[in-house]
Amino acid sequence: MKEVNYREIAPDVLDKMAHGGVFFTVKDRAGRVNTMNIGWGSVSWYWNRPVFIAPIRHNRYTYELLKDADSFTVSVPLDDSCKQALQLVGTRHGNEIDKYAAAHLTAVEALAVKGAVIAQCALHLECKIRLAQPMTPDQMDEEIHANFYGDEDYHTLYFGEIVACYRTDLD
């Protein structure tokens, strides 16, 4: 494991989100864990600290777990070895199947937050939730609303302070 600077890995994270997604994982206070594929998000700087912003739709099982969680993780595969697993965790609900078994993924305890990272990935961000901001449709651009929210299935934006950022494929 080697700690890396979030600014150095931001291009890799953004590229992977745009081309297949990354794993977003949450563990609630009751110990329930779920991972899903996210293709939207950002690596940012807010409140004088590094932040990962993740939009999570309200109809997702992950959203239910986030209501009772104080952190999340983002695991980024730097090659194509997790392509099928990303597709599976992005199309199935965690309250219906064991995504880890079905996708042949291994959850490993996170280092700095209560949660897990995906062992098959080389890059990990561990984030402490600092703000959960529901979208306000009445303030949304009409074109974006029409193209992405016609069914009114909005997101809540989770601002997570990046408290650990590391690679597991480097010595």
Foldseek 3Di string as FASTA:
>chain_A
DFFDDCVVCQVLQLVCLCPQFWWKWFAFPVGDIAIAGHSDWGFDADPNFIKIKGWDWPVAPVVVRVVGGFWMKIFGASDCPQRVLNVQRHPDGVVVDPSCVVSVWDWDADDPGGTTYTPNGFKMFIFGFDDWAWDDVVPDDPVCCVVPPPVVRTTIMTITGGPTIGTDVDD
